[in-house]
Amino acid sequence: MVVEALCGTMAYSNNSTSKLYRVLRDDENPETDGLTAKNPQATKSLIQHVLDGSWTPGSQFISCSNNEQSAIDFGMKKAGNAPFKIAELDRNAIENDPNIRVSDVSDGTSFEYEKDKNFSREQCEKANNFARIFGEVCLEGHVPAEYVRSVTPYPGGMN
């Protein structure tokens, strides 16, 4: 599977896990609705999404992690003392769905300053570090509810 990084080189997903993990927003109910990006019509670059997330003005990407512990760590960072939920997704089904584009940047080498001067060296390094630490895998397209294996609640104050 080819994965495109908009600030860097082409990379290939070699992750052997068949699961992805998504820290859910309060307004997401993936077991019935599936998952949709905050702004599916956005044109945010992949590096900009990794740097900023979908906070403003929203993104066409759905951020996931290829590692459950990384997702838990991100959930704790994002939620603070509030409870949060993590959805476990069927990565194989997602990767085989022609309506979903998968960008696996989790190896931390996808963004290279020399390939795209629109972002500083520091921004590319920051994006690579974040992607590596949290096992970042970005999805574009609607993820149907049948690809959601489970949703697990986590209590707040786990720090």
Foldseek 3Di string as FASTA:
>chain_A
DWAAAPAADIDDDPDPDQKKKAWDDPPDDLLAAFDFWPDLPDDDGPLVCLLPPQPPPTDQKGKIAPDPVLNVVVNCVVQVQAKTKMWMFGNVVQVPDPQKHKHFLQQLRGHDCVRPVPDDRVSSNVSSVSSNSNRIMIMGGTGHSVRTPDMDMDGGPPD
